Amino acid sequence: MQEYTIYHNPRCSKSRQTLQLLKDNGIEPKVVEYLNSPPSVKELKAILKALNCSAQDILRTKEDEYKQSGLNNDKLTVNQQLELMVQFPKVIERPIVVKNDKAVIGRPPENVLELI
C-alpha cells in the first residue's frame, strides 16, 4: 500500500485544494499540520531528497520570518538552514506531499497528480 503524507496548513487555500484533490482520488493521506508539528532536520533532509531540491528551493522568501530568522544569510550551511526551518516552519513552502521516496509541492495543486 502506498503511504501519502501531506505537510499541510489548513489556512492555506492551495494546501486545502491539494488535500481535497488527494481525497477526490481516493487517497486519505497522513496530514501533518507542520506549523504545529514541524518536521525534524532529519525529516526535512528526507523531504528534500524526495523533492530532489535544495533547502533554498522550498523557502518562502516573502514571509516576514524569512528575514527575522536569518535565513536570508547566504553564508548559512544546509544544516543551519534546516535547523532554522524547524524553528520557523512558516518559511517552509506548502503544501508538500510525500509518497514513499517521491514528493511534490502542491503549487499548483495538480502537481500532486504526478504521485498518484
PDB file of N, CA and C in Angstrom:
ATOM      1  N   MET A   1       0.848  -1.195   0.000  1.00  0.00           N
ATOM      2  CA  MET A   1       0.000   0.000   0.000  1.00  0.00           C
ATOM      3  C   MET A   1       0.884   1.246   0.000  1.00  0.00           C
ATOM      4  N   GLN A   2       0.469   2.223  -0.760  1.00  0.00           N
ATOM      5  CA  GLN A   2       1.214   3.472  -0.853  1.00  0.00           C
ATOM      6  C   GLN A   2       0.826   4.379   0.313  1.00  0.00           C
ATOM      7  N   GLU A   3       1.842   4.929   0.949  1.00  0.00           N
ATOM      8  CA  GLU A   3       1.604   5.843   2.060  1.00  0.00           C
ATOM      9  C   GLU A   3       1.831   7.279   1.598  1.00  0.00           C
ATOM     10  N   TYR A   4       0.829   8.099   1.763  1.00  0.00           N
ATOM     11  CA  TYR A   4       0.938   9.515   1.402  1.00  0.00           C
ATOM     12  C   TYR A   4       0.961  10.347   2.677  1.00  0.00           C
ATOM     13  N   THR A   5       1.789  11.380   2.664  1.00  0.00           N
ATOM     14  CA  THR A   5       1.822  12.349   3.757  1.00  0.00           C
ATOM     15  C   THR A   5       1.737  13.727   3.132  1.00  0.00           C
ATOM     16  N   ILE A   6       0.890  14.584   3.713  1.00  0.00           N
ATOM     17  CA  ILE A   6       0.825  15.972   3.260  1.00  0.00           C
ATOM     18  C   ILE A   6       1.232  16.864   4.419  1.00  0.00           C
ATOM     19  N   TYR A   7       2.223  17.720   4.154  1.00  0.00           N
ATOM     20  CA  TYR A   7       2.605  18.758   5.105  1.00  0.00           C
ATOM     21  C   TYR A   7       1.695  19.932   4.794  1.00  0.00           C
ATOM     22  N   HIS A   8       0.736  20.145   5.690  1.00  0.00           N
ATOM     23  CA  HIS A   8      -0.475  20.905   5.411  1.00  0.00           C
ATOM     24  C   HIS A   8      -0.613  22.110   6.338  1.00  0.00           C
ATOM     25  N   ASN A   9      -1.110  23.202   5.743  1.00  0.00           N
ATOM     26  CA  ASN A   9      -1.517  24.369   6.517  1.00  0.00           C
ATOM     27  C   ASN A   9      -2.992  24.597   6.184  1.00  0.00           C
ATOM     28  N   PRO A  10      -3.898  24.282   7.115  1.00  0.00           N
ATOM     29  CA  PRO A  10      -5.328  24.402   6.817  1.00  0.00           C
ATOM     30  C   PRO A  10      -5.786  25.816   6.471  1.00  0.00           C
ATOM     31  N   ARG A  11      -4.985  26.831   6.788  1.00  0.00           N
ATOM     32  CA  ARG A  11      -5.353  28.216   6.461  1.00  0.00           C
ATOM     33  C   ARG A  11      -4.955  28.592   5.041  1.00  0.00           C
ATOM     34  N   CYS A  12      -4.227  27.721   4.348  1.00  0.00           N
ATOM     35  CA  CYS A  12      -3.736  27.999   3.000  1.00  0.00           C
ATOM     36  C   CYS A  12      -4.669  27.363   1.968  1.00  0.00           C
ATOM     37  N   SER A  13      -5.182  28.164   1.042  1.00  0.00           N
ATOM     38  CA  SER A  13      -6.126  27.644   0.052  1.00  0.00           C
ATOM     39  C   SER A  13      -5.483  26.581  -0.842  1.00  0.00           C
ATOM     40  N   LYS A  14      -4.232  26.767  -1.248  1.00  0.00           N
ATOM     41  CA  LYS A  14      -3.565  25.770  -2.101  1.00  0.00           C
ATOM     42  C   LYS A  14      -3.387  24.454  -1.348  1.00  0.00           C
ATOM     43  N   SER A  15      -3.099  24.553  -0.076  1.00  0.00           N
ATOM     44  CA  SER A  15      -2.940  23.364   0.746  1.00  0.00           C
ATOM     45  C   SER A  15      -4.278  22.623   0.872  1.00  0.00           C
ATOM     46  N   ARG A  16      -5.348  23.377   1.113  1.00  0.00           N
ATOM     47  CA  ARG A  16      -6.681  22.756   1.204  1.00  0.00           C
ATOM     48  C   ARG A  16      -7.069  22.119  -0.131  1.00  0.00           C
ATOM     49  N   GLN A  17      -6.783  22.807  -1.245  1.00  0.00           N
ATOM     50  CA  GLN A  17      -7.123  22.277  -2.569  1.00  0.00           C
ATOM     51  C   GLN A  17      -6.335  20.997  -2.863  1.00  0.00           C
ATOM     52  N   THR A  18      -5.069  20.982  -2.472  1.00  0.00           N
ATOM     53  CA  THR A  18      -4.238  19.796  -2.706  1.00  0.00           C
ATOM     54  C   THR A  18      -4.763  18.621  -1.890  1.00  0.00           C
ATOM     55  N   LEU A  19      -5.109  18.856  -0.631  1.00  0.00           N
ATOM     56  CA  LEU A  19      -5.664  17.803   0.214  1.00  0.00           C
ATOM     57  C   LEU A  19      -6.963  17.286  -0.386  1.00  0.00           C
ATOM     58  N   GLN A  20      -7.814  18.171  -0.860  1.00  0.00           N
ATOM     59  CA  GLN A  20      -9.081  17.762  -1.470  1.00  0.00           C
ATOM     60  C   GLN A  20      -8.847  16.943  -2.732  1.00  0.00           C
ATOM     61  N   LEU A  21      -7.872  17.333  -3.534  1.00  0.00           N
ATOM     62  CA  LEU A  21      -7.545  16.601  -4.756  1.00  0.00           C
ATOM     63  C   LEU A  21      -7.111  15.170  -4.430  1.00  0.00           C
ATOM     64  N   LEU A  22      -6.319  15.022  -3.380  1.00  0.00           N
ATOM     65  CA  LEU A  22      -5.931  13.673  -2.948  1.00  0.00           C
ATOM     66  C   LEU A  22      -7.164  12.872  -2.552  1.00  0.00           C
ATOM     67  N   LYS A  23      -8.031  13.477  -1.733  1.00  0.00           N
ATOM     68  CA  LYS A  23      -9.237  12.775  -1.274  1.00  0.00           C
ATOM     69  C   LYS A  23     -10.158  12.439  -2.439  1.00  0.00           C
ATOM     70  N   ASP A  24     -10.247  13.353  -3.419  1.00  0.00           N
ATOM     71  CA  ASP A  24     -11.082  13.095  -4.604  1.00  0.00           C
ATOM     72  C   ASP A  24     -10.575  11.904  -5.401  1.00  0.00           C
ATOM     73  N   ASN A  25      -9.293  11.580  -5.228  1.00  0.00           N
ATOM     74  CA  ASN A  25      -8.704  10.430  -5.914  1.00  0.00           C
ATOM     75  C   ASN A  25      -8.612   9.218  -4.989  1.00  0.00           C
ATOM     76  N   GLY A  26      -9.404   9.233  -3.922  1.00  0.00           N
ATOM     77  CA  GLY A  26      -9.489   8.080  -3.033  1.00  0.00           C
ATOM     78  C   GLY A  26      -8.310   7.911  -2.096  1.00  0.00           C
ATOM     79  N   ILE A  27      -7.555   8.961  -1.873  1.00  0.00           N
ATOM     80  CA  ILE A  27      -6.369   8.886  -1.024  1.00  0.00           C
ATOM     81  C   ILE A  27      -6.633   9.639   0.276  1.00  0.00           C
ATOM     82  N   GLU A  28      -6.446   8.939   1.387  1.00  0.00           N
ATOM     83  CA  GLU A  28      -6.550   9.563   2.705  1.00  0.00           C
ATOM     84  C   GLU A  28      -5.135   9.682   3.260  1.00  0.00           C
ATOM     85  N   PRO A  29      -4.472  10.802   2.999  1.00  0.00           N
ATOM     86  CA  PRO A  29      -3.080  10.929   3.423  1.00  0.00           C
ATOM     87  C   PRO A  29      -2.957  11.157   4.927  1.00  0.00           C
ATOM     88  N   LYS A  30      -1.772  10.865   5.428  1.00  0.00           N
ATOM     89  CA  LYS A  30      -1.432  11.293   6.781  1.00  0.00           C
ATOM     90  C   LYS A  30      -1.266  12.809   6.691  1.00  0.00           C
ATOM     91  N   VAL A  31      -1.986  13.537   7.518  1.00  0.00           N
ATOM     92  CA  VAL A  31      -1.942  15.000   7.482  1.00  0.00           C
ATOM     93  C   VAL A  31      -1.059  15.500   8.623  1.00  0.00           C
ATOM     94  N   VAL A  32      -0.003  16.212   8.260  1.00  0.00           N
ATOM     95  CA  VAL A  32       0.891  16.816   9.248  1.00  0.00           C
ATOM     96  C   VAL A  32       0.698  18.322   9.166  1.00  0.00           C
ATOM     97  N   GLU A  33       0.111  18.882  10.209  1.00  0.00           N
ATOM     98  CA  GLU A  33      -0.022  20.340  10.266  1.00  0.00           C
ATOM     99  C   GLU A  33       1.321  20.867  10.741  1.00  0.00           C
ATOM    100  N   TYR A  34       2.178  21.149   9.751  1.00  0.00           N
ATOM    101  CA  TYR A  34       3.586  21.406  10.033  1.00  0.00           C
ATOM    102  C   TYR A  34       3.849  22.680  10.831  1.00  0.00           C
ATOM    103  N   LEU A  35       2.890  23.595  10.900  1.00  0.00           N
ATOM    104  CA  LEU A  35       3.098  24.779  11.746  1.00  0.00           C
ATOM    105  C   LEU A  35       3.014  24.395  13.221  1.00  0.00           C
ATOM    106  N   ASN A  36       2.212  23.369  13.534  1.00  0.00           N
ATOM    107  CA  ASN A  36       2.080  22.872  14.913  1.00  0.00           C
ATOM    108  C   ASN A  36       3.092  21.778  15.214  1.00  0.00           C
ATOM    109  N   SER A  37       3.420  20.970  14.204  1.00  0.00           N
ATOM    110  CA  SER A  37       4.354  19.851  14.353  1.00  0.00           C
ATOM    111  C   SER A  37       5.381  19.908  13.233  1.00  0.00           C
ATOM    112  N   PRO A  38       6.366  20.797  13.342  1.00  0.00           N
ATOM    113  CA  PRO A  38       7.334  20.943  12.258  1.00  0.00           C
ATOM    114  C   PRO A  38       8.142  19.664  12.049  1.00  0.00           C
ATOM    115  N   PRO A  39       8.495  19.383  10.802  1.00  0.00           N
ATOM    116  CA  PRO A  39       9.353  18.228  10.556  1.00  0.00           C
ATOM    117  C   PRO A  39      10.730  18.480  11.181  1.00  0.00           C
ATOM    118  N   SER A  40      11.387  17.394  11.587  1.00  0.00           N
ATOM    119  CA  SER A  40      12.737  17.491  12.144  1.00  0.00           C
ATOM    120  C   SER A  40      13.739  17.748  11.026  1.00  0.00           C
ATOM    121  N   VAL A  41      14.972  18.039  11.402  1.00  0.00           N
ATOM    122  CA  VAL A  41      16.026  18.223  10.406  1.00  0.00           C
ATOM    123  C   VAL A  41      16.150  16.951   9.562  1.00  0.00           C
ATOM    124  N   LYS A  42      16.118  15.798  10.227  1.00  0.00           N
ATOM    125  CA  LYS A  42      16.218  14.510   9.514  1.00  0.00           C
ATOM    126  C   LYS A  42      15.057  14.348   8.524  1.00  0.00           C
ATOM    127  N   GLU A  43      13.835  14.682   8.971  1.00  0.00           N
ATOM    128  CA  GLU A  43      12.669  14.591   8.076  1.00  0.00           C
ATOM    129  C   GLU A  43      12.795  15.572   6.915  1.00  0.00           C
ATOM    130  N   LEU A  44      13.263  16.783   7.192  1.00  0.00           N
ATOM    131  CA  LEU A  44      13.442  17.767   6.119  1.00  0.00           C
ATOM    132  C   LEU A  44      14.456  17.268   5.088  1.00  0.00           C
ATOM    133  N   LYS A  45      15.523  16.639   5.557  1.00  0.00           N
ATOM    134  CA  LYS A  45      16.519  16.093   4.619  1.00  0.00           C
ATOM    135  C   LYS A  45      15.879  15.048   3.711  1.00  0.00           C
ATOM    136  N   ALA A  46      15.041  14.192   4.296  1.00  0.00           N
ATOM    137  CA  ALA A  46      14.351  13.166   3.501  1.00  0.00           C
ATOM    138  C   ALA A  46      13.382  13.809   2.510  1.00  0.00           C
ATOM    139  N   ILE A  47      12.678  14.851   2.945  1.00  0.00           N
ATOM    140  CA  ILE A  47      11.748  15.564   2.057  1.00  0.00           C
ATOM    141  C   ILE A  47      12.512  16.199   0.900  1.00  0.00           C
ATOM    142  N   LEU A  48      13.627  16.852   1.199  1.00  0.00           N
ATOM    143  CA  LEU A  48      14.425  17.488   0.139  1.00  0.00           C
ATOM    144  C   LEU A  48      14.929  16.454  -0.860  1.00  0.00           C
ATOM    145  N   LYS A  49      15.349  15.302  -0.352  1.00  0.00           N
ATOM    146  CA  LYS A  49      15.820  14.235  -1.241  1.00  0.00           C
ATOM    147  C   LYS A  49      14.666  13.765  -2.139  1.00  0.00           C
ATOM    148  N   ALA A  50      13.481  13.589  -1.539  1.00  0.00           N
ATOM    149  CA  ALA A  50      12.312  13.141  -2.306  1.00  0.00           C
ATOM    150  C   ALA A  50      11.885  14.184  -3.337  1.00  0.00           C
ATOM    151  N   LEU A  51      12.047  15.461  -2.995  1.00  0.00           N
ATOM    152  CA  LEU A  51      11.712  16.548  -3.922  1.00  0.00           C
ATOM    153  C   LEU A  51      12.811  16.755  -4.959  1.00  0.00           C
ATOM    154  N   ASN A  52      13.990  16.241  -4.648  1.00  0.00           N
ATOM    155  CA  ASN A  52      15.171  16.440  -5.493  1.00  0.00           C
ATOM    156  C   ASN A  52      15.479  17.939  -5.635  1.00  0.00           C
ATOM    157  N   CYS A  53      15.536  18.612  -4.478  1.00  0.00           N
ATOM    158  CA  CYS A  53      15.816  20.048  -4.494  1.00  0.00           C
ATOM    159  C   CYS A  53      16.618  20.430  -3.256  1.00  0.00           C
ATOM    160  N   SER A  54      17.008  21.683  -3.202  1.00  0.00           N
ATOM    161  CA  SER A  54      17.773  22.185  -2.058  1.00  0.00           C
ATOM    162  C   SER A  54      16.833  22.835  -1.046  1.00  0.00           C
ATOM    163  N   ALA A  55      17.369  23.076   0.142  1.00  0.00           N
ATOM    164  CA  ALA A  55      16.588  23.759   1.176  1.00  0.00           C
ATOM    165  C   ALA A  55      16.127  25.124   0.676  1.00  0.00           C
ATOM    166  N   GLN A  56      17.002  25.819  -0.031  1.00  0.00           N
ATOM    167  CA  GLN A  56      16.672  27.148  -0.563  1.00  0.00           C
ATOM    168  C   GLN A  56      15.437  27.094  -1.467  1.00  0.00           C
ATOM    169  N   ASP A  57      15.270  25.961  -2.183  1.00  0.00           N
ATOM    170  CA  ASP A  57      14.161  25.830  -3.139  1.00  0.00           C
ATOM    171  C   ASP A  57      12.786  25.774  -2.472  1.00  0.00           C
ATOM    172  N   ILE A  58      12.737  25.437  -1.178  1.00  0.00           N
ATOM    173  CA  ILE A  58      11.422  25.327  -0.523  1.00  0.00           C
ATOM    174  C   ILE A  58      11.214  26.407   0.534  1.00  0.00           C
ATOM    175  N   LEU A  59      12.001  27.472   0.439  1.00  0.00           N
ATOM    176  CA  LEU A  59      11.833  28.580   1.377  1.00  0.00           C
ATOM    177  C   LEU A  59      10.859  29.617   0.825  1.00  0.00           C
ATOM    178  N   ARG A  60       9.978  30.063   1.698  1.00  0.00           N
ATOM    179  CA  ARG A  60       9.047  31.143   1.358  1.00  0.00           C
ATOM    180  C   ARG A  60       9.743  32.453   1.710  1.00  0.00           C
ATOM    181  N   THR A  61      10.441  33.009   0.737  1.00  0.00           N
ATOM    182  CA  THR A  61      11.303  34.165   0.987  1.00  0.00           C
ATOM    183  C   THR A  61      10.534  35.458   1.235  1.00  0.00           C
ATOM    184  N   LYS A  62       9.247  35.461   0.967  1.00  0.00           N
ATOM    185  CA  LYS A  62       8.453  36.680   1.190  1.00  0.00           C
ATOM    186  C   LYS A  62       7.847  36.734   2.590  1.00  0.00           C
ATOM    187  N   GLU A  63       7.963  35.648   3.348  1.00  0.00           N
ATOM    188  CA  GLU A  63       7.444  35.648   4.723  1.00  0.00           C
ATOM    189  C   GLU A  63       8.336  36.527   5.602  1.00  0.00           C
ATOM    190  N   ASP A  64       7.717  37.264   6.539  1.00  0.00           N
ATOM    191  CA  ASP A  64       8.486  38.086   7.468  1.00  0.00           C
ATOM    192  C   ASP A  64       9.517  37.239   8.223  1.00  0.00           C
ATOM    193  N   GLU A  65       9.131  36.014   8.569  1.00  0.00           N
ATOM    194  CA  GLU A  65      10.003  35.127   9.334  1.00  0.00           C
ATOM    195  C   GLU A  65      11.281  34.780   8.570  1.00  0.00           C
ATOM    196  N   TYR A  66      11.244  34.884   7.249  1.00  0.00           N
ATOM    197  CA  TYR A  66      12.430  34.555   6.450  1.00  0.00           C
ATOM    198  C   TYR A  66      13.599  35.464   6.855  1.00  0.00           C
ATOM    199  N   LYS A  67      13.343  36.767   6.917  1.00  0.00           N
ATOM    200  CA  LYS A  67      14.396  37.708   7.320  1.00  0.00           C
ATOM    201  C   LYS A  67      14.622  37.661   8.830  1.00  0.00           C
ATOM    202  N   GLN A  68      13.530  37.588   9.604  1.00  0.00           N
ATOM    203  CA  GLN A  68      13.647  37.570  11.062  1.00  0.00           C
ATOM    204  C   GLN A  68      14.490  36.389  11.545  1.00  0.00           C
ATOM    205  N   SER A  69      14.376  35.248  10.847  1.00  0.00           N
ATOM    206  CA  SER A  69      15.077  34.035  11.260  1.00  0.00           C
ATOM    207  C   SER A  69      16.552  34.050  10.873  1.00  0.00           C
ATOM    208  N   GLY A  70      16.916  34.945   9.963  1.00  0.00           N
ATOM    209  CA  GLY A  70      18.286  34.966   9.473  1.00  0.00           C
ATOM    210  C   GLY A  70      18.513  34.066   8.274  1.00  0.00           C
ATOM    211  N   LEU A  71      17.448  33.485   7.755  1.00  0.00           N
ATOM    212  CA  LEU A  71      17.580  32.592   6.603  1.00  0.00           C
ATOM    213  C   LEU A  71      18.019  33.318   5.332  1.00  0.00           C
ATOM    214  N   ASN A  72      17.936  34.637   5.345  1.00  0.00           N
ATOM    215  CA  ASN A  72      18.386  35.402   4.180  1.00  0.00           C
ATOM    216  C   ASN A  72      19.910  35.568   4.150  1.00  0.00           C
ATOM    217  N   ASN A  73      20.601  34.971   5.121  1.00  0.00           N
ATOM    218  CA  ASN A  73      22.064  34.987   5.164  1.00  0.00           C
ATOM    219  C   ASN A  73      22.584  33.887   4.240  1.00  0.00           C
ATOM    220  N   ASP A  74      23.231  34.268   3.152  1.00  0.00           N
ATOM    221  CA  ASP A  74      23.665  33.273   2.170  1.00  0.00           C
ATOM    222  C   ASP A  74      24.916  32.505   2.603  1.00  0.00           C
ATOM    223  N   LYS A  75      25.403  32.771   3.818  1.00  0.00           N
ATOM    224  CA  LYS A  75      26.564  32.041   4.327  1.00  0.00           C
ATOM    225  C   LYS A  75      26.168  30.864   5.226  1.00  0.00           C
ATOM    226  N   LEU A  76      24.864  30.655   5.415  1.00  0.00           N
ATOM    227  CA  LEU A  76      24.400  29.549   6.258  1.00  0.00           C
ATOM    228  C   LEU A  76      24.715  28.211   5.594  1.00  0.00           C
ATOM    229  N   THR A  77      25.055  27.234   6.416  1.00  0.00           N
ATOM    230  CA  THR A  77      25.215  25.871   5.901  1.00  0.00           C
ATOM    231  C   THR A  77      23.825  25.268   5.715  1.00  0.00           C
ATOM    232  N   VAL A  78      23.752  24.156   5.018  1.00  0.00           N
ATOM    233  CA  VAL A  78      22.457  23.478   4.826  1.00  0.00           C
ATOM    234  C   VAL A  78      21.870  23.090   6.176  1.00  0.00           C
ATOM    235  N   ASN A  79      22.701  22.552   7.069  1.00  0.00           N
ATOM    236  CA  ASN A  79      22.174  22.164   8.383  1.00  0.00           C
ATOM    237  C   ASN A  79      21.654  23.369   9.157  1.00  0.00           C
ATOM    238  N   GLN A  80      22.339  24.510   9.056  1.00  0.00           N
ATOM    239  CA  GLN A  80      21.846  25.712   9.726  1.00  0.00           C
ATOM    240  C   GLN A  80      20.508  26.147   9.128  1.00  0.00           C
ATOM    241  N   GLN A  81      20.389  26.078   7.807  1.00  0.00           N
ATOM    242  CA  GLN A  81      19.107  26.410   7.167  1.00  0.00           C
ATOM    243  C   GLN A  81      18.005  25.496   7.686  1.00  0.00           C
ATOM    244  N   LEU A  82      18.287  24.190   7.723  1.00  0.00           N
ATOM    245  CA  LEU A  82      17.273  23.232   8.151  1.00  0.00           C
ATOM    246  C   LEU A  82      16.885  23.451   9.605  1.00  0.00           C
ATOM    247  N   GLU A  83      17.850  23.737  10.456  1.00  0.00           N
ATOM    248  CA  GLU A  83      17.539  23.994  11.864  1.00  0.00           C
ATOM    249  C   GLU A  83      16.643  25.226  12.011  1.00  0.00           C
ATOM    250  N   LEU A  84      16.902  26.255  11.213  1.00  0.00           N
ATOM    251  CA  LEU A  84      16.051  27.447  11.259  1.00  0.00           C
ATOM    252  C   LEU A  84      14.659  27.152  10.701  1.00  0.00           C
ATOM    253  N   MET A  85      14.587  26.280   9.705  1.00  0.00           N
ATOM    254  CA  MET A  85      13.277  25.908   9.150  1.00  0.00           C
ATOM    255  C   MET A  85      12.439  25.171  10.190  1.00  0.00           C
ATOM    256  N   VAL A  86      13.071  24.375  11.041  1.00  0.00           N
ATOM    257  CA  VAL A  86      12.357  23.694  12.122  1.00  0.00           C
ATOM    258  C   VAL A  86      11.850  24.719  13.134  1.00  0.00           C
ATOM    259  N   GLN A  87      12.692  25.714  13.442  1.00  0.00           N
ATOM    260  CA  GLN A  87      12.306  26.750  14.410  1.00  0.00           C
ATOM    261  C   GLN A  87      11.251  27.708  13.856  1.00  0.00           C
ATOM    262  N   PHE A  88      11.289  27.951  12.547  1.00  0.00           N
ATOM    263  CA  PHE A  88      10.380  28.897  11.891  1.00  0.00           C
ATOM    264  C   PHE A  88       9.666  28.185  10.734  1.00  0.00           C
ATOM    265  N   PRO A  89       8.769  27.241  11.058  1.00  0.00           N
ATOM    266  CA  PRO A  89       8.164  26.422   9.992  1.00  0.00           C
ATOM    267  C   PRO A  89       7.347  27.208   8.974  1.00  0.00           C
ATOM    268  N   LYS A  90       6.951  28.417   9.316  1.00  0.00           N
ATOM    269  CA  LYS A  90       6.160  29.219   8.375  1.00  0.00           C
ATOM    270  C   LYS A  90       6.932  29.508   7.089  1.00  0.00           C
ATOM    271  N   VAL A  91       8.258  29.415   7.135  1.00  0.00           N
ATOM    272  CA  VAL A  91       9.065  29.700   5.946  1.00  0.00           C
ATOM    273  C   VAL A  91       9.122  28.521   4.972  1.00  0.00           C
ATOM    274  N   ILE A  92       8.577  27.363   5.370  1.00  0.00           N
ATOM    275  CA  ILE A  92       8.598  26.182   4.511  1.00  0.00           C
ATOM    276  C   ILE A  92       7.455  26.265   3.504  1.00  0.00           C
ATOM    277  N   GLU A  93       7.775  26.046   2.239  1.00  0.00           N
ATOM    278  CA  GLU A  93       6.760  26.060   1.181  1.00  0.00           C
ATOM    279  C   GLU A  93       5.699  25.020   1.491  1.00  0.00           C
ATOM    280  N   ARG A  94       4.488  25.296   1.065  1.00  0.00           N
ATOM    281  CA  ARG A  94       3.370  24.391   1.341  1.00  0.00           C
ATOM    282  C   ARG A  94       2.452  24.300   0.155  1.00  0.00           C
ATOM    283  N   PRO A  95       1.702  23.269   0.073  1.00  0.00           N
ATOM    284  CA  PRO A  95       1.850  22.011   0.800  1.00  0.00           C
ATOM    285  C   PRO A  95       2.899  21.131   0.117  1.00  0.00           C
ATOM    286  N   ILE A  96       3.460  20.247   0.882  1.00  0.00           N
ATOM    287  CA  ILE A  96       4.372  19.237   0.321  1.00  0.00           C
ATOM    288  C   ILE A  96       3.707  17.887   0.521  1.00  0.00           C
ATOM    289  N   VAL A  97       3.612  17.130  -0.559  1.00  0.00           N
ATOM    290  CA  VAL A  97       3.029  15.788  -0.492  1.00  0.00           C
ATOM    291  C   VAL A  97       4.135  14.783  -0.775  1.00  0.00           C
ATOM    292  N   VAL A  98       4.259  13.808   0.132  1.00  0.00           N
ATOM    293  CA  VAL A  98       5.284  12.784   0.013  1.00  0.00           C
ATOM    294  C   VAL A  98       4.602  11.428  -0.150  1.00  0.00           C
ATOM    295  N   LYS A  99       5.119  10.658  -1.099  1.00  0.00           N
ATOM    296  CA  LYS A  99       4.671   9.275  -1.284  1.00  0.00           C
ATOM    297  C   LYS A  99       5.937   8.443  -1.441  1.00  0.00           C
ATOM    298  N   ASN A 100       6.197   7.605  -0.441  1.00  0.00           N
ATOM    299  CA  ASN A 100       7.407   6.789  -0.431  1.00  0.00           C
ATOM    300  C   ASN A 100       8.640   7.678  -0.585  1.00  0.00           C
ATOM    301  N   ASP A 101       9.417   7.518  -1.655  1.00  0.00           N
ATOM    302  CA  ASP A 101      10.640   8.304  -1.815  1.00  0.00           C
ATOM    303  C   ASP A 101      10.492   9.412  -2.842  1.00  0.00           C
ATOM    304  N   LYS A 102       9.249   9.787  -3.161  1.00  0.00           N
ATOM    305  CA  LYS A 102       8.981  10.877  -4.109  1.00  0.00           C
ATOM    306  C   LYS A 102       8.134  11.929  -3.394  1.00  0.00           C
ATOM    307  N   ALA A 103       8.273  13.170  -3.849  1.00  0.00           N
ATOM    308  CA  ALA A 103       7.483  14.253  -3.252  1.00  0.00           C
ATOM    309  C   ALA A 103       7.272  15.350  -4.282  1.00  0.00           C
ATOM    310  N   VAL A 104       6.214  16.123  -4.078  1.00  0.00           N
ATOM    311  CA  VAL A 104       5.939  17.295  -4.910  1.00  0.00           C
ATOM    312  C   VAL A 104       5.418  18.413  -4.011  1.00  0.00           C
ATOM    313  N   ILE A 105       5.575  19.630  -4.511  1.00  0.00           N
ATOM    314  CA  ILE A 105       4.972  20.790  -3.857  1.00  0.00           C
ATOM    315  C   ILE A 105       3.650  21.041  -4.562  1.00  0.00           C
ATOM    316  N   GLY A 106       2.577  21.171  -3.800  1.00  0.00           N
ATOM    317  CA  GLY A 106       1.245  21.340  -4.364  1.00  0.00           C
ATOM    318  C   GLY A 106       0.957  22.759  -4.807  1.00  0.00           C
ATOM    319  N   ARG A 107       1.823  23.322  -5.569  1.00  0.00           N
ATOM    320  CA  ARG A 107       1.631  24.644  -6.175  1.00  0.00           C
ATOM    321  C   ARG A 107       1.994  24.529  -7.635  1.00  0.00           C
ATOM    322  N   PRO A 108       1.053  24.374  -8.509  1.00  0.00           N
ATOM    323  CA  PRO A 108      -0.391  24.286  -8.279  1.00  0.00           C
ATOM    324  C   PRO A 108      -0.775  22.913  -7.708  1.00  0.00           C
ATOM    325  N   PRO A 109      -1.975  22.800  -7.140  1.00  0.00           N
ATOM    326  CA  PRO A 109      -2.412  21.542  -6.542  1.00  0.00           C
ATOM    327  C   PRO A 109      -2.301  20.347  -7.498  1.00  0.00           C
ATOM    328  N   GLU A 110      -2.464  20.583  -8.799  1.00  0.00           N
ATOM    329  CA  GLU A 110      -2.418  19.495  -9.782  1.00  0.00           C
ATOM    330  C   GLU A 110      -1.060  18.784  -9.817  1.00  0.00           C
ATOM    331  N   ASN A 111      -0.026  19.413  -9.257  1.00  0.00           N
ATOM    332  CA  ASN A 111       1.287  18.750  -9.204  1.00  0.00           C
ATOM    333  C   ASN A 111       1.192  17.406  -8.489  1.00  0.00           C
ATOM    334  N   VAL A 112       0.258  17.298  -7.554  1.00  0.00           N
ATOM    335  CA  VAL A 112       0.128  16.076  -6.771  1.00  0.00           C
ATOM    336  C   VAL A 112      -0.271  14.871  -7.638  1.00  0.00           C
ATOM    337  N   LEU A 113      -0.864  15.142  -8.797  1.00  0.00           N
ATOM    338  CA  LEU A 113      -1.283  14.052  -9.694  1.00  0.00           C
ATOM    339  C   LEU A 113      -0.072  13.236 -10.170  1.00  0.00           C
ATOM    340  N   GLU A 114       1.120  13.834 -10.147  1.00  0.00           N
ATOM    341  CA  GLU A 114       2.333  13.113 -10.523  1.00  0.00           C
ATOM    342  C   GLU A 114       2.603  11.935  -9.591  1.00  0.00           C
ATOM    343  N   LEU A 115       2.090  11.989  -8.380  1.00  0.00           N
ATOM    344  CA  LEU A 115       2.342  10.931  -7.389  1.00  0.00           C
ATOM    345  C   LEU A 115       1.288   9.838  -7.398  1.00  0.00           C
ATOM    346  N   ILE A 116       0.177  10.093  -8.053  1.00  0.00           N
ATOM    347  CA  ILE A 116      -0.959   9.146  -7.993  1.00  0.00           C
ATOM    348  C   ILE A 116      -0.794   8.055  -9.049  1.00  0.00           C
TER     349      ILE A 116
END
